[in-house]
Amino acid sequence: MKRLLSIDGGGIRGIIPAYILSNICNAGKFDLIAGTSTGGILACALGQGRPASDLVQMYTKRGPEIFNKAWYRMTAFEPKYTDAGIAKVLWQTLGMTRFSNSLIKLLVPAFNMVKDSPAHFKSWEDPVDGMDLMYDVARATSAAPTYFPAYKGYADGGLFANNPAMNCYAEARSLWPGEELEMLSLGTGYKPEHRKYPNYGGLAEWAKPVIGAIMDSPSHDIDYMMKVCLGDSYTRIQGELPSNVNPAMDDASEKNTYNLQVFAQSLVKDNNLALSKWRS
């Protein structure tokens, strides 16, 4: 039996899967971890052997440093944030550790802007485009368009695989043909704001909510496919964000990060039975 872990993207909402993992205790029990964007950052840190509780602290204590808007970046023609904050935090977190030296097999999606195609960084294969450090891979997968500049020609893996569960499953089938698989898939919460909008709304009504729908719908579809593929061997922990949580990927305020942790606690409580087998 091979155990798989998949972690969604979602910016500061990475607090949610980090908190859930801190309640499982030992990430070393997984044979393959796939993570996109903030989930890719978590995957790399877990591959280093870092405890998930440390990663909760990374988001709560250093989130404002990552999402720190410089006063001079005020135009619509450049990313909302410089990459200075995220570069510093990821370098101090991941350092010089080589991606190939991960203690666990890692799969991290990113989008190759030069080739206009998806890319999949795999710790068990040779480095691609000189991206041989965990730092490089984490920077590439989390370079969210409009939020951060691209990194070495790569942008956020969430452009095509915000929920990387199916990518994880496909690689596991390739790595271990015929082996039994079980997967834990961790979301970062969602808020279906499109419910408020009229059936016949136009651009003015739908410009904002349609982005959320486009991001969330593929994730729900992947959830459906994974249930078909793995049945009872698939566990998905995800939930609708409460009204006191700002779903924005970059709201790293003390109030919002606290509310995200409270929400994560409720997910652990509500899914305690499903999570019990992942604690063993």
C-alpha atoms as a PDB file:
ATOM      1  CA  MET A   1       0.000   0.000   0.000  1.00  0.00           C
ATOM      2  CA  LYS A   2       1.361   3.403  -1.012  1.00  0.00           C
ATOM      3  CA  ARG A   3       0.107   6.513   0.765  1.00  0.00           C
ATOM      4  CA  LEU A   4      -0.328   9.760  -1.158  1.00  0.00           C
ATOM      5  CA  LEU A   5      -0.812  13.332   0.023  1.00  0.00           C
ATOM      6  CA  SER A   6      -2.165  16.115  -2.209  1.00  0.00           C
ATOM      7  CA  ILE A   7      -2.256  19.771  -1.098  1.00  0.00           C
ATOM      8  CA  ASP A   8      -4.192  22.505  -2.917  1.00  0.00           C
ATOM      9  CA  GLY A   9      -3.048  26.034  -3.673  1.00  0.00           C
ATOM     10  CA  GLY A  10      -4.600  29.036  -1.959  1.00  0.00           C
ATOM     11  CA  GLY A  11      -2.036  31.553  -0.750  1.00  0.00           C
ATOM     12  CA  ILE A  12      -2.306  32.426   2.937  1.00  0.00           C
ATOM     13  CA  ARG A  13      -5.064  29.834   3.210  1.00  0.00           C
ATOM     14  CA  GLY A  14      -2.232  27.291   3.263  1.00  0.00           C
ATOM     15  CA  ILE A  15      -2.685  27.676   7.014  1.00  0.00           C
ATOM     16  CA  ILE A  16      -5.591  25.236   6.705  1.00  0.00           C
ATOM     17  CA  PRO A  17      -3.727  22.184   5.349  1.00  0.00           C
ATOM     18  CA  ALA A  18      -0.706  23.038   7.511  1.00  0.00           C
ATOM     19  CA  TYR A  19      -2.889  22.956  10.619  1.00  0.00           C
ATOM     20  CA  ILE A  20      -4.578  19.708   9.560  1.00  0.00           C
ATOM     21  CA  LEU A  21      -1.184  18.104   8.960  1.00  0.00           C
ATOM     22  CA  SER A  22       0.019  19.276  12.374  1.00  0.00           C
ATOM     23  CA  ASN A  23      -2.779  17.116  13.820  1.00  0.00           C
ATOM     24  CA  ILE A  24      -1.622  14.080  11.840  1.00  0.00           C
ATOM     25  CA  CYS A  25       1.886  14.551  13.227  1.00  0.00           C
ATOM     26  CA  ASN A  26       4.145  12.544  10.909  1.00  0.00           C
ATOM     27  CA  ALA A  27       4.319  13.505   7.210  1.00  0.00           C
ATOM     28  CA  GLY A  28       6.998  10.832   6.766  1.00  0.00           C
ATOM     29  CA  LYS A  29       4.251   8.231   6.542  1.00  0.00           C
ATOM     30  CA  PHE A  30       3.519   9.365   2.959  1.00  0.00           C
ATOM     31  CA  ASP A  31       5.250   7.839  -0.064  1.00  0.00           C
ATOM     32  CA  LEU A  32       4.442  10.735  -2.426  1.00  0.00           C
ATOM     33  CA  ILE A  33       3.384  14.323  -1.740  1.00  0.00           C
ATOM     34  CA  ALA A  34       1.982  16.594  -4.457  1.00  0.00           C
ATOM     35  CA  GLY A  35       1.467  20.286  -3.792  1.00  0.00           C
ATOM     36  CA  THR A  36       0.559  23.314  -5.892  1.00  0.00           C
ATOM     37  CA  SER A  37       1.463  26.929  -5.102  1.00  0.00           C
ATOM     38  CA  THR A  38       1.156  27.306  -1.310  1.00  0.00           C
ATOM     39  CA  GLY A  39       0.681  23.524  -1.271  1.00  0.00           C
ATOM     40  CA  GLY A  40       3.971  23.192  -3.148  1.00  0.00           C
ATOM     41  CA  ILE A  41       5.704  25.259  -0.489  1.00  0.00           C
ATOM     42  CA  LEU A  42       4.277  22.945   2.172  1.00  0.00           C
ATOM     43  CA  ALA A  43       5.333  19.881   0.162  1.00  0.00           C
ATOM     44  CA  CYS A  44       8.937  21.089  -0.076  1.00  0.00           C
ATOM     45  CA  ALA A  45       9.116  21.899   3.627  1.00  0.00           C
ATOM     46  CA  LEU A  46       7.636  18.515   4.540  1.00  0.00           C
ATOM     47  CA  GLY A  47      10.150  16.889   2.214  1.00  0.00           C
ATOM     48  CA  GLN A  48      12.863  18.528   4.296  1.00  0.00           C
ATOM     49  CA  GLY A  49      11.418  16.876   7.380  1.00  0.00           C
ATOM     50  CA  ARG A  50       9.994  20.054   8.898  1.00  0.00           C
ATOM     51  CA  PRO A  51       7.070  19.550  11.308  1.00  0.00           C
ATOM     52  CA  ALA A  52       3.771  20.944  10.050  1.00  0.00           C
ATOM     53  CA  SER A  53       3.347  22.960  13.265  1.00  0.00           C
ATOM     54  CA  ASP A  54       6.374  25.048  12.210  1.00  0.00           C
ATOM     55  CA  LEU A  55       4.666  25.757   8.906  1.00  0.00           C
ATOM     56  CA  VAL A  56       1.530  27.051  10.605  1.00  0.00           C
ATOM     57  CA  GLN A  57       3.814  29.525  12.347  1.00  0.00           C
ATOM     58  CA  MET A  58       5.456  30.425   9.036  1.00  0.00           C
ATOM     59  CA  TYR A  59       2.097  31.592   7.687  1.00  0.00           C
ATOM     60  CA  THR A  60       0.884  33.364  10.812  1.00  0.00           C
ATOM     61  CA  LYS A  61       4.164  35.080  11.714  1.00  0.00           C
ATOM     62  CA  ARG A  62       5.617  35.747   8.278  1.00  0.00           C
ATOM     63  CA  GLY A  63       2.545  36.023   6.073  1.00  0.00           C
ATOM     64  CA  PRO A  64       2.543  39.845   6.323  1.00  0.00           C
ATOM     65  CA  GLU A  65       6.174  39.808   5.194  1.00  0.00           C
ATOM     66  CA  ILE A  66       5.306  37.733   2.116  1.00  0.00           C
ATOM     67  CA  PHE A  67       2.307  39.882   1.203  1.00  0.00           C
ATOM     68  CA  ASN A  68       3.895  43.266   1.817  1.00  0.00           C
ATOM     69  CA  LYS A  69       2.904  45.767  -0.837  1.00  0.00           C
ATOM     70  CA  ALA A  70       5.595  48.327  -1.565  1.00  0.00           C
ATOM     71  CA  TRP A  71       4.317  51.904  -1.533  1.00  0.00           C
ATOM     72  CA  TYR A  72       5.684  52.607  -5.000  1.00  0.00           C
ATOM     73  CA  ARG A  73       3.919  49.689  -6.753  1.00  0.00           C
ATOM     74  CA  MET A  74       0.658  51.443  -7.471  1.00  0.00           C
ATOM     75  CA  THR A  75      -0.034  50.767 -11.156  1.00  0.00           C
ATOM     76  CA  ALA A  76      -2.088  48.059 -12.860  1.00  0.00           C
ATOM     77  CA  PHE A  77       0.900  47.181 -15.050  1.00  0.00           C
ATOM     78  CA  GLU A  78       2.945  45.334 -12.441  1.00  0.00           C
ATOM     79  CA  PRO A  79       2.316  42.606  -9.840  1.00  0.00           C
ATOM     80  CA  LYS A  80       0.637  43.583  -6.598  1.00  0.00           C
ATOM     81  CA  TYR A  81       3.711  42.542  -4.585  1.00  0.00           C
ATOM     82  CA  THR A  82       7.449  42.465  -5.172  1.00  0.00           C
ATOM     83  CA  ASP A  83       9.084  39.085  -4.733  1.00  0.00           C
ATOM     84  CA  ALA A  84      11.417  40.351  -1.996  1.00  0.00           C
ATOM     85  CA  GLY A  85       9.258  39.103   0.881  1.00  0.00           C
ATOM     86  CA  ILE A  86       8.422  35.674  -0.449  1.00  0.00           C
ATOM     87  CA  ALA A  87      12.019  35.177  -1.629  1.00  0.00           C
ATOM     88  CA  LYS A  88      13.382  35.956   1.831  1.00  0.00           C
ATOM     89  CA  VAL A  89      10.902  33.746   3.677  1.00  0.00           C
ATOM     90  CA  LEU A  90      11.347  30.780   1.345  1.00  0.00           C
ATOM     91  CA  TRP A  91      15.128  31.078   1.337  1.00  0.00           C
ATOM     92  CA  GLN A  92      15.246  31.145   5.128  1.00  0.00           C
ATOM     93  CA  THR A  93      12.792  28.229   5.260  1.00  0.00           C
ATOM     94  CA  LEU A  94      14.192  25.971   2.526  1.00  0.00           C
ATOM     95  CA  GLY A  95      17.745  27.236   2.082  1.00  0.00           C
ATOM     96  CA  MET A  96      20.188  25.239  -0.036  1.00  0.00           C
ATOM     97  CA  THR A  97      18.364  21.902   0.206  1.00  0.00           C
ATOM     98  CA  ARG A  98      18.317  20.160  -3.145  1.00  0.00           C
ATOM     99  CA  PHE A  99      14.927  19.090  -4.450  1.00  0.00           C
ATOM    100  CA  SER A 100      16.364  15.644  -5.221  1.00  0.00           C
ATOM    101  CA  ASN A 101      17.359  15.246  -1.557  1.00  0.00           C
ATOM    102  CA  SER A 102      13.766  15.259  -0.355  1.00  0.00           C
ATOM    103  CA  LEU A 103      13.048  12.614   2.271  1.00  0.00           C
ATOM    104  CA  ILE A 104       9.762  11.901   0.467  1.00  0.00           C
ATOM    105  CA  LYS A 105       8.991  11.776  -3.257  1.00  0.00           C
ATOM    106  CA  LEU A 106       7.634  15.208  -4.251  1.00  0.00           C
ATOM    107  CA  LEU A 107       5.551  16.327  -7.229  1.00  0.00           C
ATOM    108  CA  VAL A 108       5.134  20.089  -7.697  1.00  0.00           C
ATOM    109  CA  PRO A 109       3.289  21.612 -10.701  1.00  0.00           C
ATOM    110  CA  ALA A 110       4.201  24.987 -12.230  1.00  0.00           C
ATOM    111  CA  PHE A 111       3.397  26.649 -15.531  1.00  0.00           C
ATOM    112  CA  ASN A 112       6.207  27.097 -18.070  1.00  0.00           C
ATOM    113  CA  MET A 113       5.491  30.497 -19.611  1.00  0.00           C
ATOM    114  CA  VAL A 114       8.200  30.158 -22.264  1.00  0.00           C
ATOM    115  CA  LYS A 115       6.852  26.873 -23.616  1.00  0.00           C
ATOM    116  CA  ASP A 116       3.234  27.757 -22.770  1.00  0.00           C
ATOM    117  CA  SER A 117       2.748  24.383 -21.129  1.00  0.00           C
ATOM    118  CA  PRO A 118       2.333  22.700 -17.758  1.00  0.00           C
ATOM    119  CA  ALA A 119       5.484  21.538 -15.982  1.00  0.00           C
ATOM    120  CA  HIS A 120       5.804  18.962 -13.225  1.00  0.00           C
ATOM    121  CA  PHE A 121       8.851  19.069 -10.967  1.00  0.00           C
ATOM    122  CA  LYS A 122       9.631  15.575  -9.686  1.00  0.00           C
ATOM    123  CA  SER A 123      12.165  15.016  -6.937  1.00  0.00           C
ATOM    124  CA  TRP A 124      13.074  11.588  -8.297  1.00  0.00           C
ATOM    125  CA  GLU A 125      14.039  12.911 -11.741  1.00  0.00           C
ATOM    126  CA  ASP A 126      16.865  15.132 -12.983  1.00  0.00           C
ATOM    127  CA  PRO A 127      16.371  18.889 -12.421  1.00  0.00           C
ATOM    128  CA  VAL A 128      14.646  20.859 -15.189  1.00  0.00           C
ATOM    129  CA  ASP A 129      15.973  24.256 -16.328  1.00  0.00           C
ATOM    130  CA  GLY A 130      18.466  24.328 -13.466  1.00  0.00           C
ATOM    131  CA  MET A 131      15.675  24.243 -10.865  1.00  0.00           C
ATOM    132  CA  ASP A 132      17.597  21.967  -8.544  1.00  0.00           C
ATOM    133  CA  LEU A 133      16.821  23.568  -5.168  1.00  0.00           C
ATOM    134  CA  MET A 134      13.604  23.258  -3.183  1.00  0.00           C
ATOM    135  CA  TYR A 135      13.720  27.032  -3.039  1.00  0.00           C
ATOM    136  CA  ASP A 136      13.591  27.236  -6.844  1.00  0.00           C
ATOM    137  CA  VAL A 137      10.660  24.834  -7.110  1.00  0.00           C
ATOM    138  CA  ALA A 138       8.728  26.574  -4.331  1.00  0.00           C
ATOM    139  CA  ARG A 139       9.292  29.972  -5.941  1.00  0.00           C
ATOM    140  CA  ALA A 140       8.138  28.698  -9.350  1.00  0.00           C
ATOM    141  CA  THR A 141       4.933  27.021  -8.197  1.00  0.00           C
ATOM    142  CA  SER A 142       3.875  30.010  -6.076  1.00  0.00           C
ATOM    143  CA  ALA A 143       4.539  32.797  -8.604  1.00  0.00           C
ATOM    144  CA  ALA A 144       0.857  33.685  -8.853  1.00  0.00           C
ATOM    145  CA  PRO A 145       0.097  36.037 -11.770  1.00  0.00           C
ATOM    146  CA  THR A 146      -0.958  39.562 -10.697  1.00  0.00           C
ATOM    147  CA  TYR A 147       0.383  38.840  -7.180  1.00  0.00           C
ATOM    148  CA  PHE A 148       4.079  38.067  -7.821  1.00  0.00           C
ATOM    149  CA  PRO A 149       6.501  38.237 -10.766  1.00  0.00           C
ATOM    150  CA  ALA A 150       7.200  35.013 -12.643  1.00  0.00           C
ATOM    151  CA  TYR A 151      10.268  33.075 -11.476  1.00  0.00           C
ATOM    152  CA  LYS A 152      12.811  31.976 -14.100  1.00  0.00           C
ATOM    153  CA  GLY A 153      10.062  31.752 -16.707  1.00  0.00           C
ATOM    154  CA  TYR A 154       7.645  29.847 -14.495  1.00  0.00           C
ATOM    155  CA  ALA A 155       4.313  30.863 -12.986  1.00  0.00           C
ATOM    156  CA  ASP A 156       1.920  29.436 -10.414  1.00  0.00           C
ATOM    157  CA  GLY A 157       0.931  25.792 -10.878  1.00  0.00           C
ATOM    158  CA  GLY A 158      -2.605  26.799  -9.932  1.00  0.00           C
ATOM    159  CA  LEU A 159      -3.051  28.003 -13.510  1.00  0.00           C
ATOM    160  CA  PHE A 160      -3.810  24.390 -14.422  1.00  0.00           C
ATOM    161  CA  ALA A 161      -3.653  22.200 -11.285  1.00  0.00           C
ATOM    162  CA  ASN A 162      -4.734  24.113  -8.194  1.00  0.00           C
ATOM    163  CA  ASN A 163      -5.908  20.771  -6.850  1.00  0.00           C
ATOM    164  CA  PRO A 164      -3.080  18.375  -7.841  1.00  0.00           C
ATOM    165  CA  ALA A 165      -4.786  15.169  -6.674  1.00  0.00           C
ATOM    166  CA  MET A 166      -5.188  13.709 -10.170  1.00  0.00           C
ATOM    167  CA  ASN A 167      -1.576  14.616 -11.043  1.00  0.00           C
ATOM    168  CA  CYS A 168      -0.499  12.836  -7.868  1.00  0.00           C
ATOM    169  CA  TYR A 169      -2.608   9.782  -8.686  1.00  0.00           C
ATOM    170  CA  ALA A 170      -1.276   9.560 -12.257  1.00  0.00           C
ATOM    171  CA  GLU A 171       2.358   9.720 -11.108  1.00  0.00           C
ATOM    172  CA  ALA A 172       1.735   7.142  -8.389  1.00  0.00           C
ATOM    173  CA  ARG A 173       0.264   4.746 -10.942  1.00  0.00           C
ATOM    174  CA  SER A 174       3.391   5.241 -13.062  1.00  0.00           C
ATOM    175  CA  LEU A 175       5.772   4.811 -10.128  1.00  0.00           C
ATOM    176  CA  TRP A 176       4.061   1.797  -8.577  1.00  0.00           C
ATOM    177  CA  PRO A 177       2.089  -0.131 -11.221  1.00  0.00           C
ATOM    178  CA  GLY A 178      -0.422  -2.487  -9.665  1.00  0.00           C
ATOM    179  CA  GLU A 179       0.227  -1.225  -6.124  1.00  0.00           C
ATOM    180  CA  GLU A 180      -2.734  -0.384  -3.898  1.00  0.00           C
ATOM    181  CA  LEU A 181      -3.022   3.355  -3.312  1.00  0.00           C
ATOM    182  CA  GLU A 182      -4.723   5.548  -0.756  1.00  0.00           C
ATOM    183  CA  MET A 183      -4.798   9.326  -0.797  1.00  0.00           C
ATOM    184  CA  LEU A 184      -5.371  12.198   1.586  1.00  0.00           C
ATOM    185  CA  SER A 185      -6.294  15.381  -0.294  1.00  0.00           C
ATOM    186  CA  LEU A 186      -6.283  18.688   1.583  1.00  0.00           C
ATOM    187  CA  GLY A 187      -8.093  21.794   0.355  1.00  0.00           C
ATOM    188  CA  THR A 188      -7.630  25.392   1.413  1.00  0.00           C
ATOM    189  CA  GLY A 189     -11.314  26.269   1.722  1.00  0.00           C
ATOM    190  CA  TYR A 190     -13.632  27.888  -0.805  1.00  0.00           C
ATOM    191  CA  LYS A 191     -16.340  30.535  -0.889  1.00  0.00           C
ATOM    192  CA  PRO A 192     -18.863  30.231  -3.773  1.00  0.00           C
ATOM    193  CA  GLU A 193     -19.668  33.904  -4.148  1.00  0.00           C
ATOM    194  CA  HIS A 194     -21.348  33.303  -7.523  1.00  0.00           C
ATOM    195  CA  ARG A 195     -24.478  32.150  -5.665  1.00  0.00           C
ATOM    196  CA  LYS A 196     -25.395  35.807  -5.118  1.00  0.00           C
ATOM    197  CA  TYR A 197     -25.436  36.697  -8.796  1.00  0.00           C
ATOM    198  CA  PRO A 198     -28.430  36.635 -11.189  1.00  0.00           C
ATOM    199  CA  ASN A 199     -28.987  33.957 -13.821  1.00  0.00           C
ATOM    200  CA  TYR A 200     -28.877  36.554 -16.583  1.00  0.00           C
ATOM    201  CA  GLY A 201     -26.109  38.745 -15.195  1.00  0.00           C
ATOM    202  CA  GLY A 202     -23.663  40.336 -17.601  1.00  0.00           C
ATOM    203  CA  LEU A 203     -20.017  41.359 -17.417  1.00  0.00           C
ATOM    204  CA  ALA A 204     -20.587  43.887 -14.640  1.00  0.00           C
ATOM    205  CA  GLU A 205     -22.167  41.261 -12.370  1.00  0.00           C
ATOM    206  CA  TRP A 206     -19.961  38.306 -13.269  1.00  0.00           C
ATOM    207  CA  ALA A 207     -16.468  39.777 -13.805  1.00  0.00           C
ATOM    208  CA  LYS A 208     -15.427  39.092 -10.207  1.00  0.00           C
ATOM    209  CA  PRO A 209     -17.318  35.905  -9.184  1.00  0.00           C
ATOM    210  CA  VAL A 210     -16.585  34.065 -12.417  1.00  0.00           C
ATOM    211  CA  ILE A 211     -12.867  33.956 -11.494  1.00  0.00           C
ATOM    212  CA  GLY A 212     -13.686  32.105  -8.284  1.00  0.00           C
ATOM    213  CA  ALA A 213     -16.007  29.753 -10.137  1.00  0.00           C
ATOM    214  CA  ILE A 214     -13.312  29.000 -12.727  1.00  0.00           C
ATOM    215  CA  MET A 215     -10.797  28.227  -9.947  1.00  0.00           C
ATOM    216  CA  ASP A 216     -13.138  26.139  -7.751  1.00  0.00           C
ATOM    217  CA  SER A 217     -15.076  24.141 -10.342  1.00  0.00           C
ATOM    218  CA  PRO A 218     -12.091  22.119 -11.673  1.00  0.00           C
ATOM    219  CA  SER A 219     -11.139  21.291  -8.088  1.00  0.00           C
ATOM    220  CA  HIS A 220     -14.618  19.921  -7.382  1.00  0.00           C
ATOM    221  CA  ASP A 221     -14.453  17.916 -10.612  1.00  0.00           C
ATOM    222  CA  ILE A 222     -11.091  16.420  -9.637  1.00  0.00           C
ATOM    223  CA  ASP A 223     -12.609  15.486  -6.280  1.00  0.00           C
ATOM    224  CA  TYR A 224     -15.344  13.619  -8.164  1.00  0.00           C
ATOM    225  CA  MET A 225     -12.812  11.805 -10.367  1.00  0.00           C
ATOM    226  CA  MET A 226     -10.672  10.788  -7.403  1.00  0.00           C
ATOM    227  CA  LYS A 227     -13.703   9.293  -5.660  1.00  0.00           C
ATOM    228  CA  VAL A 228     -14.361   7.258  -8.804  1.00  0.00           C
ATOM    229  CA  CYS A 229     -10.712   6.149  -9.053  1.00  0.00           C
ATOM    230  CA  LEU A 230     -10.007   5.326  -5.404  1.00  0.00           C
ATOM    231  CA  GLY A 231     -13.380   4.998  -3.692  1.00  0.00           C
ATOM    232  CA  ASP A 232     -12.998   4.509   0.068  1.00  0.00           C
ATOM    233  CA  SER A 233      -9.216   4.789  -0.281  1.00  0.00           C
ATOM    234  CA  TYR A 234      -9.623   8.506  -0.985  1.00  0.00           C
ATOM    235  CA  THR A 235     -10.095  11.108   1.757  1.00  0.00           C
ATOM    236  CA  ARG A 236     -10.794  14.753   0.886  1.00  0.00           C
ATOM    237  CA  ILE A 237     -10.760  17.400   3.626  1.00  0.00           C
ATOM    238  CA  GLN A 238     -12.273  20.620   2.327  1.00  0.00           C
ATOM    239  CA  GLY A 239     -14.952  23.061   3.409  1.00  0.00           C
ATOM    240  CA  GLU A 240     -16.794  26.263   2.666  1.00  0.00           C
ATOM    241  CA  LEU A 241     -15.158  29.223   4.369  1.00  0.00           C
ATOM    242  CA  PRO A 242     -17.289  30.929   7.041  1.00  0.00           C
ATOM    243  CA  SER A 243     -18.379  34.543   6.773  1.00  0.00           C
ATOM    244  CA  ASN A 244     -15.650  35.762   9.136  1.00  0.00           C
ATOM    245  CA  VAL A 245     -12.867  34.528   6.821  1.00  0.00           C
ATOM    246  CA  ASN A 246     -11.685  36.649   3.921  1.00  0.00           C
ATOM    247  CA  PRO A 247     -11.128  34.211   1.018  1.00  0.00           C
ATOM    248  CA  ALA A 248      -8.503  36.493  -0.556  1.00  0.00           C
ATOM    249  CA  MET A 249      -5.214  34.630  -1.000  1.00  0.00           C
ATOM    250  CA  ASP A 250      -3.232  37.558   0.395  1.00  0.00           C
ATOM    251  CA  ASP A 251      -5.113  38.620   3.533  1.00  0.00           C
ATOM    252  CA  ALA A 252      -2.370  37.825   6.065  1.00  0.00           C
ATOM    253  CA  SER A 253      -3.823  40.058   8.781  1.00  0.00           C
ATOM    254  CA  GLU A 254      -3.710  38.757  12.336  1.00  0.00           C
ATOM    255  CA  LYS A 255      -7.509  38.589  12.445  1.00  0.00           C
ATOM    256  CA  ASN A 256      -7.823  36.598   9.220  1.00  0.00           C
ATOM    257  CA  THR A 257      -5.022  34.141   9.985  1.00  0.00           C
ATOM    258  CA  TYR A 258      -6.583  33.515  13.399  1.00  0.00           C
ATOM    259  CA  ASN A 259      -9.980  32.859  11.818  1.00  0.00           C
ATOM    260  CA  LEU A 260      -8.360  30.534   9.285  1.00  0.00           C
ATOM    261  CA  GLN A 261      -6.887  28.503  12.145  1.00  0.00           C
ATOM    262  CA  VAL A 262     -10.249  28.334  13.890  1.00  0.00           C
ATOM    263  CA  PHE A 263     -11.818  27.116  10.657  1.00  0.00           C
ATOM    264  CA  ALA A 264      -9.054  24.495  10.284  1.00  0.00           C
ATOM    265  CA  GLN A 265      -9.774  23.328  13.838  1.00  0.00           C
ATOM    266  CA  SER A 266     -13.432  22.854  12.917  1.00  0.00           C
ATOM    267  CA  LEU A 267     -12.450  20.829   9.848  1.00  0.00           C
ATOM    268  CA  VAL A 268     -10.296  18.550  11.992  1.00  0.00           C
ATOM    269  CA  LYS A 269     -13.151  18.092  14.460  1.00  0.00           C
ATOM    270  CA  ASP A 270     -15.769  17.460  11.765  1.00  0.00           C
ATOM    271  CA  ASN A 271     -13.497  14.994   9.941  1.00  0.00           C
ATOM    272  CA  ASN A 272     -11.926  13.344  12.972  1.00  0.00           C
ATOM    273  CA  LEU A 273     -13.046   9.838  11.994  1.00  0.00           C
ATOM    274  CA  ALA A 274     -11.817  10.201   8.408  1.00  0.00           C
ATOM    275  CA  LEU A 275      -8.467  11.546   9.636  1.00  0.00           C
ATOM    276  CA  SER A 276      -8.015   8.825  12.262  1.00  0.00           C
ATOM    277  CA  LYS A 277      -6.540   6.327   9.806  1.00  0.00           C
ATOM    278  CA  TRP A 278      -3.953   8.902   8.719  1.00  0.00           C
ATOM    279  CA  ARG A 279      -2.722   9.262  12.295  1.00  0.00           C
ATOM    280  CA  SER A 280      -1.798   5.593  12.524  1.00  0.00           C
END
